[in-house]
């Protein structure tokens, strides 16, 4: 099964998510926003601290459940004097996620610019004798 991948996530954010409580994150990296464009609440997403360019087979990360997603554009206008102003736009994605499991990357696709990054995973397995 292929999962949408979010890369370059802070290790401290990943550690906090592993505690089990849902968290809301604001992402501004263009490649992560592009990857989220075809995601919807209820989807499972892979998150890793590895940068997109370095992501390869065997890299660790976590699988999270996407509870909510909101992608929006913010426009900022700065006036320097009455004759000159600067207008900037910034796209961001706010997502609420909840930790499900740890996993490792088996295969990566979509590492080129403008394409969603998707990965095939090897999910961790834990067996208890009983």
N, C-alpha and C. Protein backbone atom coordinates (compact mmCIF):
# COMPACT_ATOMS: atom_id res chain seq x y z
N UNK A 1 0.84 -1.18 0.00
CA UNK A 1 0.00 0.00 0.00
C UNK A 1 0.89 1.24 0.00
N UNK A 2 0.53 2.25 -0.79
CA UNK A 2 1.29 3.49 -0.88
C UNK A 2 0.71 4.53 0.08
N UNK A 3 1.61 5.27 0.72
CA UNK A 3 1.23 6.32 1.67
C UNK A 3 1.81 7.65 1.20
N UNK A 4 1.07 8.73 1.42
CA UNK A 4 1.61 10.06 1.20
C UNK A 4 2.71 10.28 2.22
N UNK A 5 3.82 10.89 1.79
CA UNK A 5 4.96 11.11 2.69
C UNK A 5 5.18 12.60 2.94
N UNK A 6 5.34 12.95 4.20
CA UNK A 6 5.72 14.31 4.60
C UNK A 6 7.14 14.20 5.14
N UNK A 7 8.06 14.97 4.54
CA UNK A 7 9.48 14.85 4.88
C UNK A 7 9.99 16.11 5.56
N UNK A 8 11.12 15.96 6.24
CA UNK A 8 11.75 17.10 6.91
C UNK A 8 11.00 17.57 8.15
N UNK A 9 10.23 16.69 8.76
CA UNK A 9 9.50 17.02 9.98
C UNK A 9 10.47 16.94 11.16
N UNK A 10 10.38 17.91 12.05
CA UNK A 10 11.29 17.98 13.20
C UNK A 10 11.21 16.70 14.05
N UNK A 11 12.37 16.16 14.46
CA UNK A 11 12.37 14.98 15.33
C UNK A 11 11.59 15.21 16.64
N UNK A 12 11.60 16.44 17.16
CA UNK A 12 10.85 16.71 18.39
C UNK A 12 9.34 16.63 18.15
N UNK A 13 8.86 17.02 16.97
CA UNK A 13 7.45 16.89 16.63
C UNK A 13 7.07 15.42 16.53
N UNK A 14 7.93 14.63 15.89
CA UNK A 14 7.67 13.19 15.77
C UNK A 14 7.64 12.53 17.14
N UNK A 15 8.56 12.90 18.03
CA UNK A 15 8.59 12.35 19.38
C UNK A 15 7.32 12.72 20.14
N UNK A 16 6.86 13.95 19.98
CA UNK A 16 5.63 14.38 20.66
C UNK A 16 4.41 13.63 20.14
N UNK A 17 4.36 13.39 18.83
CA UNK A 17 3.24 12.64 18.25
C UNK A 17 3.21 11.21 18.77
N UNK A 18 4.40 10.62 19.03
CA UNK A 18 4.46 9.25 19.53
C UNK A 18 3.84 9.10 20.91
N UNK A 19 3.63 10.22 21.61
CA UNK A 19 2.98 10.16 22.93
C UNK A 19 1.49 9.87 22.82
N UNK A 20 0.93 9.96 21.60
CA UNK A 20 -0.43 9.50 21.37
C UNK A 20 -1.51 10.56 21.25
N UNK A 21 -1.25 11.79 21.63
CA UNK A 21 -2.29 12.82 21.54
C UNK A 21 -2.32 13.44 20.15
N UNK A 22 -3.51 13.77 19.64
CA UNK A 22 -3.58 14.46 18.35
C UNK A 22 -2.92 15.82 18.44
N UNK A 23 -2.23 16.22 17.39
CA UNK A 23 -1.54 17.51 17.34
C UNK A 23 -1.85 18.18 16.00
N UNK A 24 -1.89 19.52 16.04
CA UNK A 24 -2.09 20.31 14.83
C UNK A 24 -0.75 20.90 14.41
N UNK A 25 -0.41 20.73 13.13
CA UNK A 25 0.84 21.21 12.58
C UNK A 25 0.55 22.17 11.44
N UNK A 26 1.40 23.19 11.28
CA UNK A 26 1.31 24.07 10.12
C UNK A 26 2.54 23.84 9.27
N UNK A 27 2.31 23.39 8.03
CA UNK A 27 3.39 23.08 7.11
C UNK A 27 3.49 24.16 6.04
N UNK A 28 4.71 24.58 5.74
CA UNK A 28 4.90 25.60 4.72
C UNK A 28 5.82 25.15 3.59
N UNK A 29 6.39 23.97 3.70
CA UNK A 29 7.26 23.44 2.64
C UNK A 29 6.42 23.10 1.42
N UNK A 30 6.84 23.62 0.27
CA UNK A 30 6.06 23.42 -0.95
C UNK A 30 5.88 21.94 -1.28
N UNK A 31 6.93 21.12 -1.12
CA UNK A 31 6.80 19.70 -1.47
C UNK A 31 5.82 18.98 -0.54
N UNK A 32 5.75 19.37 0.73
CA UNK A 32 4.79 18.75 1.64
C UNK A 32 3.36 19.18 1.31
N UNK A 33 3.17 20.44 0.95
CA UNK A 33 1.83 20.92 0.58
C UNK A 33 1.36 20.22 -0.70
N UNK A 34 2.26 20.07 -1.68
CA UNK A 34 1.91 19.36 -2.91
C UNK A 34 1.52 17.92 -2.60
N UNK A 35 2.25 17.27 -1.69
CA UNK A 35 1.92 15.89 -1.32
C UNK A 35 0.56 15.79 -0.65
N UNK A 36 0.15 16.83 0.07
CA UNK A 36 -1.13 16.80 0.78
C UNK A 36 -2.34 17.13 -0.10
N UNK A 37 -2.12 17.61 -1.33
CA UNK A 37 -3.24 18.07 -2.14
C UNK A 37 -4.27 16.98 -2.45
N UNK A 38 -3.86 15.74 -2.49
CA UNK A 38 -4.83 14.67 -2.76
C UNK A 38 -5.16 13.85 -1.51
N UNK A 39 -4.88 14.41 -0.33
CA UNK A 39 -5.19 13.72 0.93
C UNK A 39 -6.49 14.27 1.51
N UNK A 40 -7.16 13.44 2.27
CA UNK A 40 -8.40 13.86 2.92
C UNK A 40 -8.46 13.25 4.32
N UNK A 41 -9.30 13.80 5.20
CA UNK A 41 -9.41 13.25 6.56
C UNK A 41 -9.70 11.75 6.54
N UNK A 42 -9.02 11.03 7.41
CA UNK A 42 -9.16 9.59 7.48
C UNK A 42 -8.02 8.84 6.80
N UNK A 43 -7.25 9.54 5.95
CA UNK A 43 -6.12 8.91 5.28
C UNK A 43 -4.97 8.68 6.26
N UNK A 44 -4.14 7.71 5.96
CA UNK A 44 -2.91 7.48 6.72
C UNK A 44 -1.76 8.13 5.97
N UNK A 45 -0.87 8.79 6.70
CA UNK A 45 0.25 9.52 6.13
C UNK A 45 1.53 9.10 6.84
N UNK A 46 2.61 9.01 6.08
CA UNK A 46 3.93 8.69 6.63
C UNK A 46 4.68 10.00 6.87
N UNK A 47 5.26 10.16 8.06
CA UNK A 47 6.04 11.35 8.40
C UNK A 47 7.44 10.92 8.81
N UNK A 48 8.44 11.67 8.32
CA UNK A 48 9.83 11.36 8.65
C UNK A 48 10.63 12.65 8.79
N UNK A 49 11.71 12.58 9.54
CA UNK A 49 12.58 13.74 9.70
C UNK A 49 13.61 13.83 8.57
N UNK A 50 13.69 12.82 7.73
CA UNK A 50 14.64 12.79 6.61
C UNK A 50 14.18 13.79 5.54
N UNK A 51 15.13 14.54 4.96
CA UNK A 51 14.80 15.47 3.88
C UNK A 51 14.38 14.71 2.63
N UNK A 52 13.56 15.37 1.80
CA UNK A 52 13.04 14.74 0.59
C UNK A 52 14.15 14.22 -0.31
N UNK A 53 15.21 14.98 -0.50
CA UNK A 53 16.30 14.58 -1.39
C UNK A 53 17.04 13.34 -0.88
N UNK A 54 17.01 13.12 0.43
CA UNK A 54 17.76 12.01 1.03
C UNK A 54 16.88 10.79 1.32
N UNK A 55 15.58 10.89 1.13
CA UNK A 55 14.67 9.80 1.48
C UNK A 55 14.94 8.57 0.61
N UNK A 56 15.16 7.42 1.25
CA UNK A 56 15.45 6.20 0.51
C UNK A 56 14.97 4.99 1.31
N UNK A 57 15.11 3.84 0.71
CA UNK A 57 14.69 2.59 1.33
C UNK A 57 15.39 2.39 2.68
N UNK A 58 14.63 1.99 3.68
CA UNK A 58 15.17 1.72 5.01
C UNK A 58 15.06 2.87 5.98
N UNK A 59 14.69 4.07 5.51
CA UNK A 59 14.59 5.23 6.40
C UNK A 59 13.39 5.09 7.35
N UNK A 60 13.56 5.46 8.63
CA UNK A 60 12.48 5.32 9.61
C UNK A 60 11.53 6.50 9.61
N UNK A 61 10.35 6.27 10.17
CA UNK A 61 9.36 7.34 10.34
C UNK A 61 8.16 6.80 11.08
N UNK A 62 7.08 7.56 11.05
CA UNK A 62 5.85 7.14 11.72
C UNK A 62 4.67 7.25 10.76
N UNK A 63 3.66 6.46 11.03
CA UNK A 63 2.40 6.53 10.30
C UNK A 63 1.40 7.23 11.20
N UNK A 64 0.72 8.24 10.65
CA UNK A 64 -0.27 9.00 11.40
C UNK A 64 -1.60 8.98 10.65
N UNK A 65 -2.66 9.18 11.40
CA UNK A 65 -4.00 9.31 10.82
C UNK A 65 -4.29 10.79 10.65
N UNK A 66 -4.75 11.19 9.49
CA UNK A 66 -5.07 12.58 9.20
C UNK A 66 -6.50 12.86 9.68
N UNK A 67 -6.62 13.64 10.77
CA UNK A 67 -7.94 13.96 11.32
C UNK A 67 -8.59 15.13 10.62
N UNK A 68 -7.79 16.15 10.26
CA UNK A 68 -8.31 17.35 9.60
C UNK A 68 -7.22 17.96 8.74
N UNK A 69 -7.64 18.64 7.66
CA UNK A 69 -6.69 19.31 6.78
C UNK A 69 -7.31 20.60 6.26
N UNK A 70 -6.49 21.64 6.19
CA UNK A 70 -6.91 22.93 5.65
C UNK A 70 -5.73 23.56 4.93
N UNK A 71 -5.83 23.69 3.61
CA UNK A 71 -4.78 24.33 2.82
C UNK A 71 -5.29 25.70 2.41
N UNK A 72 -4.50 26.74 2.75
CA UNK A 72 -4.95 28.10 2.40
C UNK A 72 -3.80 28.99 1.98
N UNK A 73 -4.18 30.13 1.40
CA UNK A 73 -3.21 31.12 0.92
C UNK A 73 -3.37 32.37 1.77
N UNK A 74 -2.24 32.91 2.22
CA UNK A 74 -2.26 34.15 2.99
C UNK A 74 -1.58 35.23 2.17
N UNK A 75 -2.17 36.39 2.12
CA UNK A 75 -1.60 37.51 1.37
C UNK A 75 -1.16 38.58 2.36
N UNK A 76 0.09 39.05 2.21
CA UNK A 76 0.65 40.07 3.08
C UNK A 76 1.05 41.26 2.22
N UNK A 77 0.63 42.45 2.63
CA UNK A 77 0.98 43.67 1.90
C UNK A 77 1.74 44.58 2.86
N UNK A 78 2.94 45.01 2.45
CA UNK A 78 3.76 45.92 3.25
C UNK A 78 3.88 47.25 2.52
N UNK A 79 3.58 48.33 3.23
CA UNK A 79 3.74 49.67 2.66
C UNK A 79 5.00 50.29 3.23
N UNK A 80 5.93 50.68 2.35
CA UNK A 80 7.17 51.30 2.80
C UNK A 80 7.06 52.82 2.78
N UNK A 81 6.35 53.33 1.84
CA UNK A 81 6.04 54.76 1.79
C UNK A 81 4.79 54.91 0.90
N UNK A 82 4.25 56.06 0.73
CA UNK A 82 3.01 56.17 -0.05
C UNK A 82 3.14 55.73 -1.51
N UNK A 83 4.35 55.65 -2.05
CA UNK A 83 4.51 55.31 -3.45
C UNK A 83 4.89 53.86 -3.72
N UNK A 84 5.32 53.14 -2.69
CA UNK A 84 5.83 51.80 -2.91
C UNK A 84 5.21 50.83 -1.92
N UNK A 85 4.75 49.69 -2.40
CA UNK A 85 4.29 48.63 -1.51
C UNK A 85 4.71 47.28 -2.10
N UNK A 86 4.81 46.32 -1.22
CA UNK A 86 5.21 44.97 -1.61
C UNK A 86 4.13 43.99 -1.19
N UNK A 87 3.75 43.14 -2.12
CA UNK A 87 2.72 42.14 -1.85
C UNK A 87 3.33 40.76 -1.96
N UNK A 88 3.08 39.92 -0.95
CA UNK A 88 3.59 38.55 -0.94
C UNK A 88 2.46 37.60 -0.62
N UNK A 89 2.58 36.40 -1.15
CA UNK A 89 1.61 35.35 -0.85
C UNK A 89 2.35 34.17 -0.23
N UNK A 90 1.68 33.52 0.71
CA UNK A 90 2.29 32.36 1.37
C UNK A 90 1.23 31.28 1.50
N UNK A 91 1.51 30.13 0.96
CA UNK A 91 0.59 29.00 1.07
C UNK A 91 1.01 28.15 2.26
N UNK A 92 0.04 27.67 3.00
CA UNK A 92 0.35 26.80 4.13
C UNK A 92 -0.75 25.75 4.27
N UNK A 93 -0.40 24.69 4.95
CA UNK A 93 -1.36 23.62 5.22
C UNK A 93 -1.38 23.37 6.72
N UNK A 94 -2.56 23.42 7.30
CA UNK A 94 -2.73 23.06 8.72
C UNK A 94 -3.38 21.68 8.75
N UNK A 95 -2.71 20.78 9.45
CA UNK A 95 -3.22 19.41 9.55
C UNK A 95 -3.26 18.99 11.01
N UNK A 96 -4.27 18.20 11.34
CA UNK A 96 -4.30 17.59 12.67
C UNK A 96 -4.09 16.09 12.46
N UNK A 97 -3.10 15.55 13.16
CA UNK A 97 -2.74 14.15 12.99
C UNK A 97 -2.66 13.44 14.33
N UNK A 98 -2.80 12.11 14.28
CA UNK A 98 -2.69 11.28 15.47
C UNK A 98 -1.81 10.07 15.14
N UNK A 99 -0.87 9.77 16.01
CA UNK A 99 0.09 8.67 15.82
C UNK A 99 -0.62 7.32 15.76
N UNK A 100 -0.18 6.48 14.80
CA UNK A 100 -0.70 5.12 14.70
C UNK A 100 0.38 4.07 14.90
N UNK A 101 1.54 4.24 14.22
CA UNK A 101 2.52 3.17 14.21
C UNK A 101 3.88 3.70 13.71
N UNK A 102 4.91 2.94 13.95
CA UNK A 102 6.23 3.22 13.38
C UNK A 102 6.39 2.37 12.13
N UNK A 103 7.23 2.85 11.19
CA UNK A 103 7.42 2.12 9.94
C UNK A 103 8.75 2.51 9.31
N UNK A 104 9.14 1.74 8.29
CA UNK A 104 10.35 2.03 7.51
C UNK A 104 9.96 2.05 6.03
N UNK A 105 10.70 2.86 5.28
CA UNK A 105 10.43 3.01 3.85
C UNK A 105 10.92 1.78 3.10
N UNK A 106 10.07 1.25 2.22
CA UNK A 106 10.46 0.14 1.35
C UNK A 106 10.79 0.67 -0.05
N UNK A 107 9.98 1.63 -0.55
CA UNK A 107 10.18 2.19 -1.89
C UNK A 107 9.64 3.61 -1.90
N UNK A 108 10.28 4.50 -2.70
CA UNK A 108 9.88 5.91 -2.79
C UNK A 108 9.53 6.25 -4.23
N UNK A 109 8.46 7.03 -4.41
CA UNK A 109 8.13 7.54 -5.74
C UNK A 109 7.71 9.00 -5.61
N UNK A 110 7.97 9.79 -6.64
CA UNK A 110 7.57 11.19 -6.66
C UNK A 110 8.53 12.12 -5.96
N UNK A 111 9.83 11.90 -6.09
CA UNK A 111 10.80 12.79 -5.45
C UNK A 111 11.14 13.98 -6.34
N UNK A 112 10.54 14.07 -7.52
CA UNK A 112 10.82 15.21 -8.39
C UNK A 112 9.87 16.36 -8.06
N UNK A 113 10.25 17.56 -8.48
CA UNK A 113 9.50 18.77 -8.15
C UNK A 113 8.09 18.73 -8.75
N UNK A 114 7.11 19.08 -7.94
CA UNK A 114 5.74 19.21 -8.40
C UNK A 114 4.91 17.94 -8.34
N UNK A 115 5.48 16.86 -7.88
CA UNK A 115 4.74 15.60 -7.78
C UNK A 115 4.62 15.21 -6.32
N UNK A 116 3.46 14.68 -5.92
CA UNK A 116 3.32 14.22 -4.54
C UNK A 116 4.30 13.09 -4.24
N UNK A 117 4.88 13.11 -3.06
CA UNK A 117 5.80 12.05 -2.63
C UNK A 117 4.98 10.95 -1.99
N UNK A 118 5.16 9.73 -2.50
CA UNK A 118 4.45 8.58 -1.96
C UNK A 118 5.47 7.49 -1.67
N UNK A 119 5.21 6.73 -0.62
CA UNK A 119 6.14 5.67 -0.23
C UNK A 119 5.38 4.38 0.03
N UNK A 120 6.08 3.28 -0.20
CA UNK A 120 5.59 1.98 0.22
C UNK A 120 6.35 1.65 1.49
N UNK A 121 5.65 1.12 2.49
CA UNK A 121 6.24 0.94 3.82
C UNK A 121 6.33 -0.51 4.24
N UNK A 122 7.28 -0.73 5.16
CA UNK A 122 7.35 -1.98 5.91
C UNK A 122 6.89 -1.60 7.30
N UNK A 123 5.67 -2.00 7.67
CA UNK A 123 5.14 -1.66 8.98
C UNK A 123 5.80 -2.52 10.05
N UNK A 124 5.98 -1.95 11.22
CA UNK A 124 6.58 -2.71 12.31
C UNK A 124 5.60 -3.74 12.82
N UNK A 125 6.13 -4.85 13.27
CA UNK A 125 5.30 -5.90 13.82
C UNK A 125 5.81 -6.24 15.21
N UNK A 126 4.89 -6.39 16.13
CA UNK A 126 5.26 -6.74 17.49
C UNK A 126 4.43 -7.94 17.92
N UNK A 127 5.09 -8.99 18.29
CA UNK A 127 4.40 -10.22 18.68
C UNK A 127 4.65 -10.50 20.16
N UNK A 128 3.62 -10.94 20.83
CA UNK A 128 3.72 -11.27 22.25
C UNK A 128 3.41 -12.75 22.44
N UNK A 129 4.27 -13.41 23.17
CA UNK A 129 4.01 -14.82 23.48
C UNK A 129 2.98 -14.87 24.61
N UNK A 130 2.13 -15.79 24.55
CA UNK A 130 1.16 -15.80 25.62
C UNK A 130 0.50 -17.05 25.73
